[in-house]
Protein backbone atom coordinates (compact mmCIF):
# COMPACT_ATOMS: atom_id res chain seq x y z
CA UNK A 1 -44.66 122.64 17.69
CA UNK A 2 -44.47 118.92 18.39
CA UNK A 3 -47.81 119.02 20.23
CA UNK A 4 -49.37 121.04 17.40
CA UNK A 5 -48.33 118.47 14.78
CA UNK A 6 -49.59 115.70 17.06
CA UNK A 7 -53.05 117.35 17.23
CA UNK A 8 -53.09 118.04 13.48
CA UNK A 9 -52.19 114.42 12.69
CA UNK A 10 -54.88 113.17 15.05
CA UNK A 11 -57.53 115.35 13.35
CA UNK A 12 -56.32 114.34 9.89
CA UNK A 13 -56.39 110.63 10.71
CA UNK A 14 -59.90 110.95 12.17
CA UNK A 15 -61.00 112.29 8.77
CA UNK A 16 -58.98 109.72 6.78
CA UNK A 17 -56.44 112.35 5.67
CA UNK A 18 -52.65 112.53 5.99
CA UNK A 19 -50.13 115.35 6.20
CA UNK A 20 -47.58 115.40 3.36
CA UNK A 21 -44.31 116.34 5.10
CA UNK A 22 -42.46 116.73 1.79
CA UNK A 23 -44.75 119.64 0.88
CA UNK A 24 -45.24 121.07 4.38
CA UNK A 25 -43.42 124.36 4.95
CA UNK A 26 -43.24 127.03 7.64
CA UNK A 27 -43.28 130.83 7.30
CA UNK A 28 -42.06 132.59 10.43
CA UNK A 29 -43.83 135.96 10.67
CA UNK A 30 -41.66 138.86 11.85
CA UNK A 31 -42.08 142.62 12.31
CA UNK A 32 -41.05 144.65 9.31
CA UNK A 33 -38.63 146.89 11.26
CA UNK A 34 -37.18 144.03 13.27
CA UNK A 35 -35.20 141.72 11.03
CA UNK A 36 -34.49 139.42 13.96
CA UNK A 37 -35.62 135.88 13.32
CA UNK A 38 -35.63 133.03 15.79
CA UNK A 39 -33.58 130.21 14.35
CA UNK A 40 -35.81 127.25 15.02
CA UNK A 41 -35.75 123.78 13.58
CA UNK A 42 -39.12 122.05 13.36
CA UNK A 43 -38.93 118.27 13.47
CA UNK A 44 -41.80 115.83 13.79
CA UNK A 45 -40.92 112.16 13.82
CA UNK A 46 -38.16 111.78 11.23
CA UNK A 47 -39.45 114.71 9.16
CA UNK A 48 -37.89 118.19 9.06
CA UNK A 49 -40.24 121.06 8.18
CA UNK A 50 -38.46 123.61 5.97
CA UNK A 51 -38.61 127.38 6.54
CA UNK A 52 -39.49 129.69 3.65
CA UNK A 53 -39.70 133.50 3.39
CA UNK A 54 -43.02 133.61 1.50
CA UNK A 55 -45.79 131.31 0.34
CA UNK A 56 -48.64 131.37 -2.16
CA UNK A 57 -52.14 130.89 -0.76
CA UNK A 58 -54.80 130.73 -3.45
CA UNK A 59 -53.87 133.82 -5.49
CA UNK A 60 -52.17 135.72 -2.64
CA UNK A 61 -48.43 135.76 -1.98
CA UNK A 62 -47.86 136.05 1.77
CA UNK A 63 -44.38 137.11 2.95
CA UNK A 64 -42.78 136.71 6.35
CA UNK A 65 -43.41 140.43 7.09
CA UNK A 66 -47.01 140.19 5.86
CA UNK A 67 -46.20 142.63 3.06
CA UNK A 68 -47.02 142.63 -0.64
CA UNK A 69 -43.39 142.94 -1.79
CA UNK A 70 -43.13 139.39 -3.14
């Protein structure tokens, strides 16, 4: 994940953009039948990326099991 954030930041800076870590969140996708989640902590620099169970993208609500329940 550290390398991914490094690449994203490099692309953003090249286009005069910045990543807002206070609003950045992570949804870990899992299989519906398998409730097992990997407990991972994502840290980049001094910033901790929070985990959420669903997110809104445009008008869609996307859950961690890619279902429409939320």
